[in-house]
Protein backbone atom coordinates (compact mmCIF):
# COMPACT_ATOMS: atom_id res chain seq x y z
CA UNK A 1 0.00 0.00 0.00
CA UNK A 2 1.15 3.51 -0.57
CA UNK A 3 1.49 6.10 2.16
CA UNK A 4 -1.79 7.87 1.42
CA UNK A 5 -3.72 4.60 1.73
CA UNK A 6 -2.03 3.87 5.08
CA UNK A 7 -3.00 7.33 6.32
CA UNK A 8 -6.63 6.98 5.21
CA UNK A 9 -6.96 3.47 6.67
CA UNK A 10 -5.27 4.62 9.89
CA UNK A 11 -7.56 7.62 10.22
CA UNK A 12 -10.77 5.67 9.63
CA UNK A 13 -9.75 2.77 11.88
CA UNK A 14 -8.42 5.08 14.61
CA UNK A 15 -11.59 7.18 14.69
CA UNK A 16 -13.87 4.15 14.75
CA UNK A 17 -11.79 2.39 17.40
CA UNK A 18 -11.62 5.40 19.70
CA UNK A 19 -15.39 5.82 19.53
CA UNK A 20 -15.97 2.06 19.98
CA UNK A 21 -13.78 1.93 23.08
CA UNK A 22 -15.60 4.91 24.55
CA UNK A 23 -13.22 7.79 24.08
CA UNK A 24 -13.48 11.05 22.27
CA UNK A 25 -10.48 10.46 20.04
CA UNK A 26 -6.85 11.47 20.21
CA UNK A 27 -6.91 14.20 17.60
CA UNK A 28 -6.20 13.80 13.92
CA UNK A 29 -2.57 12.67 14.20
CA UNK A 30 -3.21 10.51 17.26
CA UNK A 31 -6.07 8.67 15.55
CA UNK A 32 -3.95 8.10 12.45
CA UNK A 33 -1.11 6.67 14.54
CA UNK A 34 -3.49 4.46 16.56
CA UNK A 35 -5.06 3.20 13.33
CA UNK A 36 -1.70 2.55 11.63
CA UNK A 37 -0.29 0.68 14.62
CA UNK A 38 -3.63 -1.13 14.86
CA UNK A 39 -3.31 -2.13 11.20
CA UNK A 40 0.08 -3.69 11.84
CA UNK A 41 -1.15 -5.40 15.01
CA UNK A 42 -4.39 -6.56 13.37
CA UNK A 43 -2.59 -7.89 10.29
CA UNK A 44 -0.20 -9.83 12.48
CA UNK A 45 -3.01 -11.14 14.68
CA UNK A 46 -5.20 -12.27 11.79
CA UNK A 47 -2.21 -13.98 10.15
CA UNK A 48 -1.11 -15.67 13.38
CA UNK A 49 -4.61 -16.99 14.06
CA UNK A 50 -5.11 -18.03 10.43
CA UNK A 51 -8.22 -15.91 10.00
CA UNK A 52 -9.08 -15.06 6.41
CA UNK A 53 -11.66 -12.40 5.65
CA UNK A 54 -14.29 -13.17 3.00
CA UNK A 55 -13.51 -9.91 1.19
CA UNK A 56 -10.34 -8.10 0.22
CA UNK A 57 -9.06 -4.66 -0.61
CA UNK A 58 -9.57 -1.49 1.33
CA UNK A 59 -12.52 -2.86 3.31
CA UNK A 60 -10.50 -5.76 4.71
CA UNK A 61 -7.60 -3.42 5.55
CA UNK A 62 -9.95 -1.12 7.46
CA UNK A 63 -11.54 -4.06 9.32
CA UNK A 64 -8.18 -5.53 10.34
CA UNK A 65 -6.90 -2.11 11.37
CA UNK A 66 -10.09 -1.46 13.36
CA UNK A 67 -9.81 -4.76 15.25
CA UNK A 68 -6.12 -4.16 15.93
CA UNK A 69 -6.73 -0.57 17.05
CA UNK A 70 -9.55 -1.59 19.41
CA UNK A 71 -7.34 -4.25 20.99
CA UNK A 72 -4.46 -1.77 21.20
CA UNK A 73 -6.63 0.85 22.93
CA UNK A 74 -8.00 -1.73 25.37
CA UNK A 75 -4.47 -2.86 26.23
CA UNK A 76 -3.33 0.75 26.70
CA UNK A 77 -6.36 1.48 28.86
CA UNK A 78 -5.66 -1.60 31.01
CA UNK A 79 -2.01 -0.62 31.49
CA UNK A 80 -2.62 3.03 32.36
CA UNK A 81 -3.38 4.02 35.95
CA UNK A 82 -7.08 4.52 36.58
CA UNK A 83 -8.29 8.00 35.88
CA UNK A 84 -4.96 9.28 34.61
CA UNK A 85 -5.09 11.22 31.40
CA UNK A 86 -8.76 12.10 31.75
CA UNK A 87 -9.88 15.69 32.18
CA UNK A 88 -10.81 16.57 35.73
CA UNK A 89 -14.47 17.14 34.86
CA UNK A 90 -14.77 13.59 33.47
CA UNK A 91 -13.28 11.77 36.46
CA UNK A 92 -15.58 9.77 38.65
CA UNK A 93 -15.80 10.76 42.26
CA UNK A 94 -16.67 7.98 44.68
PDB file of N, CA and C in Angstrom:
ATOM      1  N   UNK A   1       0.832  -1.178   0.000  1.00  0.00           N
ATOM      2  CA  UNK A   1       0.000   0.000   0.000  1.00  0.00           C
ATOM      3  C   UNK A   1       0.883   1.250   0.000  1.00  0.00           C
ATOM      4  N   UNK A   2       0.397   2.271  -0.592  1.00  0.00           N
ATOM      5  CA  UNK A   2       1.154   3.508  -0.568  1.00  0.00           C
ATOM      6  C   UNK A   2       0.847   4.297   0.710  1.00  0.00           C
ATOM      7  N   UNK A   3       1.590   5.343   0.912  1.00  0.00           N
ATOM      8  CA  UNK A   3       1.493   6.096   2.160  1.00  0.00           C
ATOM      9  C   UNK A   3       0.121   6.722   2.359  1.00  0.00           C
ATOM     10  N   UNK A   4      -0.465   7.240   1.307  1.00  0.00           N
ATOM     11  CA  UNK A   4      -1.787   7.867   1.424  1.00  0.00           C
ATOM     12  C   UNK A   4      -2.855   6.855   1.858  1.00  0.00           C
ATOM     13  N   UNK A   5      -2.765   5.645   1.333  1.00  0.00           N
ATOM     14  CA  UNK A   5      -3.720   4.602   1.728  1.00  0.00           C
ATOM     15  C   UNK A   5      -3.545   4.245   3.195  1.00  0.00           C
ATOM     16  N   UNK A   6      -2.293   4.155   3.663  1.00  0.00           N
ATOM     17  CA  UNK A   6      -2.032   3.866   5.076  1.00  0.00           C
ATOM     18  C   UNK A   6      -2.612   4.960   5.959  1.00  0.00           C
ATOM     19  N   UNK A   7      -2.481   6.216   5.524  1.00  0.00           N
ATOM     20  CA  UNK A   7      -2.996   7.326   6.319  1.00  0.00           C
ATOM     21  C   UNK A   7      -4.516   7.288   6.379  1.00  0.00           C
ATOM     22  N   UNK A   8      -5.159   7.032   5.240  1.00  0.00           N
ATOM     23  CA  UNK A   8      -6.626   6.979   5.213  1.00  0.00           C
ATOM     24  C   UNK A   8      -7.148   5.815   6.045  1.00  0.00           C
ATOM     25  N   UNK A   9      -6.548   4.641   5.881  1.00  0.00           N
ATOM     26  CA  UNK A   9      -6.958   3.473   6.672  1.00  0.00           C
ATOM     27  C   UNK A   9      -6.715   3.732   8.151  1.00  0.00           C
ATOM     28  N   UNK A  10      -5.575   4.318   8.489  1.00  0.00           N
ATOM     29  CA  UNK A  10      -5.272   4.624   9.886  1.00  0.00           C
ATOM     30  C   UNK A  10      -6.254   5.611  10.483  1.00  0.00           C
ATOM     31  N   UNK A  11      -6.619   6.631   9.715  1.00  0.00           N
ATOM     32  CA  UNK A  11      -7.558   7.623  10.220  1.00  0.00           C
ATOM     33  C   UNK A  11      -8.933   7.018  10.454  1.00  0.00           C
ATOM     34  N   UNK A  12      -9.441   6.272   9.487  1.00  0.00           N
ATOM     35  CA  UNK A  12     -10.774   5.668   9.629  1.00  0.00           C
ATOM     36  C   UNK A  12     -10.786   4.674  10.782  1.00  0.00           C
ATOM     37  N   UNK A  13      -9.795   3.778  10.821  1.00  0.00           N
ATOM     38  CA  UNK A  13      -9.754   2.766  11.880  1.00  0.00           C
ATOM     39  C   UNK A  13      -9.533   3.401  13.247  1.00  0.00           C
ATOM     40  N   UNK A  14      -8.680   4.410  13.329  1.00  0.00           N
ATOM     41  CA  UNK A  14      -8.420   5.076  14.606  1.00  0.00           C
ATOM     42  C   UNK A  14      -9.641   5.796  15.140  1.00  0.00           C
ATOM     43  N   UNK A  15     -10.363   6.495  14.264  1.00  0.00           N
ATOM     44  CA  UNK A  15     -11.588   7.177  14.691  1.00  0.00           C
ATOM     45  C   UNK A  15     -12.638   6.180  15.166  1.00  0.00           C
ATOM     46  N   UNK A  16     -12.861   5.139  14.365  1.00  0.00           N
ATOM     47  CA  UNK A  16     -13.867   4.147  14.746  1.00  0.00           C
ATOM     48  C   UNK A  16     -13.500   3.437  16.043  1.00  0.00           C
ATOM     49  N   UNK A  17     -12.224   3.100  16.187  1.00  0.00           N
ATOM     50  CA  UNK A  17     -11.793   2.390  17.396  1.00  0.00           C
ATOM     51  C   UNK A  17     -11.906   3.267  18.631  1.00  0.00           C
ATOM     52  N   UNK A  18     -11.538   4.539  18.520  1.00  0.00           N
ATOM     53  CA  UNK A  18     -11.621   5.399  19.700  1.00  0.00           C
ATOM     54  C   UNK A  18     -13.071   5.616  20.126  1.00  0.00           C
ATOM     55  N   UNK A  19     -13.981   5.699  19.172  1.00  0.00           N
ATOM     56  CA  UNK A  19     -15.387   5.820  19.532  1.00  0.00           C
ATOM     57  C   UNK A  19     -15.945   4.501  20.064  1.00  0.00           C
ATOM     58  N   UNK A  20     -15.484   3.364  19.524  1.00  0.00           N
ATOM     59  CA  UNK A  20     -15.973   2.061  19.980  1.00  0.00           C
ATOM     60  C   UNK A  20     -15.515   1.766  21.402  1.00  0.00           C
ATOM     61  N   UNK A  21     -14.312   2.194  21.751  1.00  0.00           N
ATOM     62  CA  UNK A  21     -13.776   1.932  23.082  1.00  0.00           C
ATOM     63  C   UNK A  21     -14.374   2.900  24.103  1.00  0.00           C
ATOM     64  N   UNK A  22     -14.930   3.996  23.637  1.00  0.00           N
ATOM     65  CA  UNK A  22     -15.597   4.907  24.551  1.00  0.00           C
ATOM     66  C   UNK A  22     -14.852   6.191  24.802  1.00  0.00           C
ATOM     67  N   UNK A  23     -13.948   6.538  23.916  1.00  0.00           N
ATOM     68  CA  UNK A  23     -13.224   7.785  24.084  1.00  0.00           C
ATOM     69  C   UNK A  23     -13.759   8.845  23.148  1.00  0.00           C
ATOM     70  N   UNK A  24     -13.085   9.974  23.158  1.00  0.00           N
ATOM     71  CA  UNK A  24     -13.482  11.050  22.269  1.00  0.00           C
ATOM     72  C   UNK A  24     -12.461  11.247  21.166  1.00  0.00           C
ATOM     73  N   UNK A  25     -11.509  10.356  21.056  1.00  0.00           N
ATOM     74  CA  UNK A  25     -10.483  10.462  20.037  1.00  0.00           C
ATOM     75  C   UNK A  25      -9.211  11.069  20.588  1.00  0.00           C
ATOM     76  N   UNK A  26      -8.159  10.964  19.812  1.00  0.00           N
ATOM     77  CA  UNK A  26      -6.853  11.471  20.213  1.00  0.00           C
ATOM     78  C   UNK A  26      -6.380  12.588  19.296  1.00  0.00           C
ATOM     79  N   UNK A  27      -7.286  13.182  18.573  1.00  0.00           N
ATOM     80  CA  UNK A  27      -6.908  14.199  17.601  1.00  0.00           C
ATOM     81  C   UNK A  27      -6.590  13.528  16.277  1.00  0.00           C
ATOM     82  N   UNK A  28      -6.406  14.321  15.262  1.00  0.00           N
ATOM     83  CA  UNK A  28      -6.198  13.798  13.918  1.00  0.00           C
ATOM     84  C   UNK A  28      -4.950  12.930  13.828  1.00  0.00           C
ATOM     85  N   UNK A  29      -3.809  13.439  14.276  1.00  0.00           N
ATOM     86  CA  UNK A  29      -2.570  12.665  14.200  1.00  0.00           C
ATOM     87  C   UNK A  29      -2.582  11.462  15.130  1.00  0.00           C
ATOM     88  N   UNK A  30      -3.141  11.625  16.312  1.00  0.00           N
ATOM     89  CA  UNK A  30      -3.213  10.508  17.255  1.00  0.00           C
ATOM     90  C   UNK A  30      -4.069   9.374  16.727  1.00  0.00           C
ATOM     91  N   UNK A  31      -5.209   9.698  16.113  1.00  0.00           N
ATOM     92  CA  UNK A  31      -6.068   8.665  15.555  1.00  0.00           C
ATOM     93  C   UNK A  31      -5.408   7.966  14.369  1.00  0.00           C
ATOM     94  N   UNK A  32      -4.673   8.722  13.566  1.00  0.00           N
ATOM     95  CA  UNK A  32      -3.953   8.101  12.450  1.00  0.00           C
ATOM     96  C   UNK A  32      -2.898   7.139  12.964  1.00  0.00           C
ATOM     97  N   UNK A  33      -2.145   7.540  13.985  1.00  0.00           N
ATOM     98  CA  UNK A  33      -1.108   6.672  14.543  1.00  0.00           C
ATOM     99  C   UNK A  33      -1.728   5.431  15.180  1.00  0.00           C
ATOM    100  N   UNK A  34      -2.804   5.606  15.943  1.00  0.00           N
ATOM    101  CA  UNK A  34      -3.487   4.460  16.557  1.00  0.00           C
ATOM    102  C   UNK A  34      -3.983   3.509  15.472  1.00  0.00           C
ATOM    103  N   UNK A  35      -4.561   4.044  14.416  1.00  0.00           N
ATOM    104  CA  UNK A  35      -5.055   3.204  13.330  1.00  0.00           C
ATOM    105  C   UNK A  35      -3.949   2.495  12.576  1.00  0.00           C
ATOM    106  N   UNK A  36      -2.818   3.175  12.347  1.00  0.00           N
ATOM    107  CA  UNK A  36      -1.703   2.549  11.628  1.00  0.00           C
ATOM    108  C   UNK A  36      -1.047   1.454  12.462  1.00  0.00           C
ATOM    109  N   UNK A  37      -0.851   1.720  13.738  1.00  0.00           N
ATOM    110  CA  UNK A  37      -0.294   0.684  14.618  1.00  0.00           C
ATOM    111  C   UNK A  37      -1.307  -0.458  14.757  1.00  0.00           C
ATOM    112  N   UNK A  38      -2.587  -0.110  14.823  1.00  0.00           N
ATOM    113  CA  UNK A  38      -3.630  -1.133  14.862  1.00  0.00           C
ATOM    114  C   UNK A  38      -3.660  -1.974  13.602  1.00  0.00           C
ATOM    115  N   UNK A  39      -3.362  -1.367  12.451  1.00  0.00           N
ATOM    116  CA  UNK A  39      -3.313  -2.125  11.198  1.00  0.00           C
ATOM    117  C   UNK A  39      -2.185  -3.150  11.226  1.00  0.00           C
ATOM    118  N   UNK A  40      -1.045  -2.751  11.735  1.00  0.00           N
ATOM    119  CA  UNK A  40       0.082  -3.686  11.841  1.00  0.00           C
ATOM    120  C   UNK A  40      -0.252  -4.801  12.825  1.00  0.00           C
ATOM    121  N   UNK A  41      -0.783  -4.423  13.983  1.00  0.00           N
ATOM    122  CA  UNK A  41      -1.149  -5.404  15.007  1.00  0.00           C
ATOM    123  C   UNK A  41      -2.269  -6.325  14.517  1.00  0.00           C
ATOM    124  N   UNK A  42      -3.289  -5.759  13.876  1.00  0.00           N
ATOM    125  CA  UNK A  42      -4.395  -6.560  13.367  1.00  0.00           C
ATOM    126  C   UNK A  42      -3.967  -7.500  12.259  1.00  0.00           C
ATOM    127  N   UNK A  43      -3.106  -7.024  11.355  1.00  0.00           N
ATOM    128  CA  UNK A  43      -2.595  -7.887  10.289  1.00  0.00           C
ATOM    129  C   UNK A  43      -1.796  -9.048  10.843  1.00  0.00           C
ATOM    130  N   UNK A  44      -0.965  -8.761  11.848  1.00  0.00           N
ATOM    131  CA  UNK A  44      -0.195  -9.834  12.477  1.00  0.00           C
ATOM    132  C   UNK A  44      -1.120 -10.822  13.193  1.00  0.00           C
ATOM    133  N   UNK A  45      -2.105 -10.288  13.913  1.00  0.00           N
ATOM    134  CA  UNK A  45      -3.013 -11.135  14.682  1.00  0.00           C
ATOM    135  C   UNK A  45      -3.849 -12.035  13.779  1.00  0.00           C
ATOM    136  N   UNK A  46      -4.402 -11.473  12.703  1.00  0.00           N
ATOM    137  CA  UNK A  46      -5.203 -12.270  11.789  1.00  0.00           C
ATOM    138  C   UNK A  46      -4.352 -13.341  11.120  1.00  0.00           C
ATOM    139  N   UNK A  47      -3.111 -12.996  10.764  1.00  0.00           N
ATOM    140  CA  UNK A  47      -2.211 -13.981  10.152  1.00  0.00           C
ATOM    141  C   UNK A  47      -1.808 -15.074  11.130  1.00  0.00           C
ATOM    142  N   UNK A  48      -1.531 -14.691  12.374  1.00  0.00           N
ATOM    143  CA  UNK A  48      -1.109 -15.672  13.380  1.00  0.00           C
ATOM    144  C   UNK A  48      -2.234 -16.640  13.733  1.00  0.00           C
ATOM    145  N   UNK A  49      -3.465 -16.142  13.736  1.00  0.00           N
ATOM    146  CA  UNK A  49      -4.605 -16.994  14.057  1.00  0.00           C
ATOM    147  C   UNK A  49      -5.155 -17.717  12.832  1.00  0.00           C
ATOM    148  N   UNK A  50      -4.655 -17.382  11.658  1.00  0.00           N
ATOM    149  CA  UNK A  50      -5.109 -18.030  10.427  1.00  0.00           C
ATOM    150  C   UNK A  50      -6.503 -17.615   9.998  1.00  0.00           C
ATOM    151  N   UNK A  51      -6.896 -16.403  10.345  1.00  0.00           N
ATOM    152  CA  UNK A  51      -8.222 -15.912   9.998  1.00  0.00           C
ATOM    153  C   UNK A  51      -8.146 -15.233   8.635  1.00  0.00           C
ATOM    154  N   UNK A  52      -9.004 -15.666   7.735  1.00  0.00           N
ATOM    155  CA  UNK A  52      -9.084 -15.058   6.411  1.00  0.00           C
ATOM    156  C   UNK A  52     -10.439 -14.368   6.277  1.00  0.00           C
ATOM    157  N   UNK A  53     -10.417 -13.145   5.826  1.00  0.00           N
ATOM    158  CA  UNK A  53     -11.662 -12.400   5.647  1.00  0.00           C
ATOM    159  C   UNK A  53     -12.299 -12.781   4.313  1.00  0.00           C
ATOM    160  N   UNK A  54     -13.619 -12.774   4.238  1.00  0.00           N
ATOM    161  CA  UNK A  54     -14.293 -13.170   2.996  1.00  0.00           C
ATOM    162  C   UNK A  54     -14.236 -12.106   1.907  1.00  0.00           C
ATOM    163  N   UNK A  55     -13.641 -10.973   2.179  1.00  0.00           N
ATOM    164  CA  UNK A  55     -13.510  -9.910   1.189  1.00  0.00           C
ATOM    165  C   UNK A  55     -12.088  -9.376   1.245  1.00  0.00           C
ATOM    166  N   UNK A  56     -11.713  -8.601   0.257  1.00  0.00           N
ATOM    167  CA  UNK A  56     -10.342  -8.096   0.222  1.00  0.00           C
ATOM    168  C   UNK A  56     -10.355  -6.613  -0.134  1.00  0.00           C
ATOM    169  N   UNK A  57      -9.191  -6.054  -0.232  1.00  0.00           N
ATOM    170  CA  UNK A  57      -9.062  -4.665  -0.609  1.00  0.00           C
ATOM    171  C   UNK A  57      -9.080  -3.725   0.581  1.00  0.00           C
ATOM    172  N   UNK A  58      -9.562  -2.531   0.317  1.00  0.00           N
ATOM    173  CA  UNK A  58      -9.571  -1.487   1.332  1.00  0.00           C
ATOM    174  C   UNK A  58     -10.477  -1.830   2.511  1.00  0.00           C
ATOM    175  N   UNK A  59     -11.599  -2.492   2.237  1.00  0.00           N
ATOM    176  CA  UNK A  59     -12.524  -2.861   3.311  1.00  0.00           C
ATOM    177  C   UNK A  59     -11.878  -3.836   4.289  1.00  0.00           C
ATOM    178  N   UNK A  60     -11.142  -4.806   3.790  1.00  0.00           N
ATOM    179  CA  UNK A  60     -10.497  -5.756   4.707  1.00  0.00           C
ATOM    180  C   UNK A  60      -9.374  -5.081   5.479  1.00  0.00           C
ATOM    181  N   UNK A  61      -8.661  -4.147   4.846  1.00  0.00           N
ATOM    182  CA  UNK A  61      -7.600  -3.418   5.548  1.00  0.00           C
ATOM    183  C   UNK A  61      -8.185  -2.583   6.678  1.00  0.00           C
ATOM    184  N   UNK A  62      -9.316  -1.929   6.422  1.00  0.00           N
ATOM    185  CA  UNK A  62      -9.949  -1.123   7.463  1.00  0.00           C
ATOM    186  C   UNK A  62     -10.453  -2.006   8.598  1.00  0.00           C
ATOM    187  N   UNK A  63     -11.043  -3.163   8.267  1.00  0.00           N
ATOM    188  CA  UNK A  63     -11.541  -4.059   9.320  1.00  0.00           C
ATOM    189  C   UNK A  63     -10.405  -4.591  10.183  1.00  0.00           C
ATOM    190  N   UNK A  64      -9.313  -5.031   9.556  1.00  0.00           N
ATOM    191  CA  UNK A  64      -8.178  -5.534  10.335  1.00  0.00           C
ATOM    192  C   UNK A  64      -7.560  -4.425  11.181  1.00  0.00           C
ATOM    193  N   UNK A  65      -7.454  -3.231  10.620  1.00  0.00           N
ATOM    194  CA  UNK A  65      -6.905  -2.110  11.372  1.00  0.00           C
ATOM    195  C   UNK A  65      -7.819  -1.725  12.522  1.00  0.00           C
ATOM    196  N   UNK A  66      -9.123  -1.777  12.298  1.00  0.00           N
ATOM    197  CA  UNK A  66     -10.089  -1.465  13.357  1.00  0.00           C
ATOM    198  C   UNK A  66      -9.969  -2.454  14.510  1.00  0.00           C
ATOM    199  N   UNK A  67      -9.932  -3.738  14.200  1.00  0.00           N
ATOM    200  CA  UNK A  67      -9.814  -4.762  15.250  1.00  0.00           C
ATOM    201  C   UNK A  67      -8.499  -4.584  16.004  1.00  0.00           C
ATOM    202  N   UNK A  68      -7.412  -4.366  15.289  1.00  0.00           N
ATOM    203  CA  UNK A  68      -6.121  -4.158  15.931  1.00  0.00           C
ATOM    204  C   UNK A  68      -6.089  -2.908  16.785  1.00  0.00           C
ATOM    205  N   UNK A  69      -6.716  -1.825  16.290  1.00  0.00           N
ATOM    206  CA  UNK A  69      -6.732  -0.572  17.047  1.00  0.00           C
ATOM    207  C   UNK A  69      -7.583  -0.686  18.301  1.00  0.00           C
ATOM    208  N   UNK A  70      -8.712  -1.387  18.221  1.00  0.00           N
ATOM    209  CA  UNK A  70      -9.545  -1.592  19.414  1.00  0.00           C
ATOM    210  C   UNK A  70      -8.772  -2.385  20.460  1.00  0.00           C
ATOM    211  N   UNK A  71      -8.126  -3.456  20.041  1.00  0.00           N
ATOM    212  CA  UNK A  71      -7.341  -4.248  20.992  1.00  0.00           C
ATOM    213  C   UNK A  71      -6.192  -3.422  21.568  1.00  0.00           C
ATOM    214  N   UNK A  72      -5.549  -2.628  20.729  1.00  0.00           N
ATOM    215  CA  UNK A  72      -4.462  -1.768  21.198  1.00  0.00           C
ATOM    216  C   UNK A  72      -4.957  -0.764  22.231  1.00  0.00           C
ATOM    217  N   UNK A  73      -6.086  -0.127  21.975  1.00  0.00           N
ATOM    218  CA  UNK A  73      -6.630   0.847  22.928  1.00  0.00           C
ATOM    219  C   UNK A  73      -7.064   0.177  24.228  1.00  0.00           C
ATOM    220  N   UNK A  74      -7.612  -1.027  24.145  1.00  0.00           N
ATOM    221  CA  UNK A  74      -7.997  -1.735  25.365  1.00  0.00           C
ATOM    222  C   UNK A  74      -6.775  -2.122  26.189  1.00  0.00           C
ATOM    223  N   UNK A  75      -5.705  -2.525  25.524  1.00  0.00           N
ATOM    224  CA  UNK A  75      -4.467  -2.859  26.229  1.00  0.00           C
ATOM    225  C   UNK A  75      -3.879  -1.611  26.877  1.00  0.00           C
ATOM    226  N   UNK A  76      -3.847  -0.498  26.132  1.00  0.00           N
ATOM    227  CA  UNK A  76      -3.328   0.748  26.697  1.00  0.00           C
ATOM    228  C   UNK A  76      -4.171   1.227  27.870  1.00  0.00           C
ATOM    229  N   UNK A  77      -5.473   1.080  27.765  1.00  0.00           N
ATOM    230  CA  UNK A  77      -6.359   1.480  28.862  1.00  0.00           C
ATOM    231  C   UNK A  77      -6.131   0.597  30.089  1.00  0.00           C
ATOM    232  N   UNK A  78      -5.890  -0.691  29.892  1.00  0.00           N
ATOM    233  CA  UNK A  78      -5.661  -1.602  31.013  1.00  0.00           C
ATOM    234  C   UNK A  78      -4.323  -1.318  31.692  1.00  0.00           C
ATOM    235  N   UNK A  79      -3.338  -0.868  30.930  1.00  0.00           N
ATOM    236  CA  UNK A  79      -2.014  -0.617  31.493  1.00  0.00           C
ATOM    237  C   UNK A  79      -1.875   0.750  32.143  1.00  0.00           C
ATOM    238  N   UNK A  80      -2.745   1.682  31.790  1.00  0.00           N
ATOM    239  CA  UNK A  80      -2.623   3.027  32.363  1.00  0.00           C
ATOM    240  C   UNK A  80      -3.287   3.063  33.739  1.00  0.00           C
ATOM    241  N   UNK A  81      -2.751   3.883  34.632  1.00  0.00           N
ATOM    242  CA  UNK A  81      -3.376   4.015  35.951  1.00  0.00           C
ATOM    243  C   UNK A  81      -4.797   4.564  35.816  1.00  0.00           C
ATOM    244  N   UNK A  82      -5.658   4.138  36.665  1.00  0.00           N
ATOM    245  CA  UNK A  82      -7.078   4.520  36.585  1.00  0.00           C
ATOM    246  C   UNK A  82      -7.258   6.026  36.742  1.00  0.00           C
ATOM    247  N   UNK A  83      -7.981   6.597  35.806  1.00  0.00           N
ATOM    248  CA  UNK A  83      -8.291   8.002  35.878  1.00  0.00           C
ATOM    249  C   UNK A  83      -7.224   8.935  35.337  1.00  0.00           C
ATOM    250  N   UNK A  84      -6.031   8.433  35.104  1.00  0.00           N
ATOM    251  CA  UNK A  84      -4.958   9.280  34.614  1.00  0.00           C
ATOM    252  C   UNK A  84      -5.196   9.603  33.139  1.00  0.00           C
ATOM    253  N   UNK A  85      -4.938  10.812  32.778  1.00  0.00           N
ATOM    254  CA  UNK A  85      -5.090  11.219  31.403  1.00  0.00           C
ATOM    255  C   UNK A  85      -6.495  11.678  31.050  1.00  0.00           C
ATOM    256  N   UNK A  86      -7.400  11.640  32.000  1.00  0.00           N
ATOM    257  CA  UNK A  86      -8.760  12.101  31.751  1.00  0.00           C
ATOM    258  C   UNK A  86      -8.903  13.507  32.304  1.00  0.00           C
ATOM    259  N   UNK A  87      -9.652  14.349  31.637  1.00  0.00           N
ATOM    260  CA  UNK A  87      -9.881  15.685  32.182  1.00  0.00           C
ATOM    261  C   UNK A  87     -10.553  15.608  33.552  1.00  0.00           C
ATOM    262  N   UNK A  88     -10.296  16.578  34.369  1.00  0.00           N
ATOM    263  CA  UNK A  88     -10.810  16.569  35.735  1.00  0.00           C
ATOM    264  C   UNK A  88     -12.329  16.483  35.771  1.00  0.00           C
ATOM    265  N   UNK A  89     -13.013  17.135  34.851  1.00  0.00           N
ATOM    266  CA  UNK A  89     -14.471  17.143  34.861  1.00  0.00           C
ATOM    267  C   UNK A  89     -15.066  15.819  34.425  1.00  0.00           C
ATOM    268  N   UNK A  90     -14.237  14.879  33.880  1.00  0.00           N
ATOM    269  CA  UNK A  90     -14.765  13.586  33.465  1.00  0.00           C
ATOM    270  C   UNK A  90     -14.430  12.486  34.457  1.00  0.00           C
ATOM    271  N   UNK A  91     -13.647  12.782  35.482  1.00  0.00           N
ATOM    272  CA  UNK A  91     -13.275  11.766  36.457  1.00  0.00           C
ATOM    273  C   UNK A  91     -14.436  11.447  37.356  1.00  0.00           C
ATOM    274  N   UNK A  92     -14.521  10.198  37.729  1.00  0.00           N
ATOM    275  CA  UNK A  92     -15.577   9.769  38.649  1.00  0.00           C
ATOM    276  C   UNK A  92     -15.154  10.026  40.090  1.00  0.00           C
ATOM    277  N   UNK A  93     -16.068  10.507  40.849  1.00  0.00           N
ATOM    278  CA  UNK A  93     -15.801  10.759  42.264  1.00  0.00           C
ATOM    279  C   UNK A  93     -16.632   9.769  43.056  1.00  0.00           C
ATOM    280  N   UNK A  94     -15.959   8.986  43.887  1.00  0.00           N
ATOM    281  CA  UNK A  94     -16.665   7.975  44.684  1.00  0.00           C
ATOM    282  C   UNK A  94     -16.773   8.394  46.122  1.00  0.00           C
TER     283      UNK A  94
END
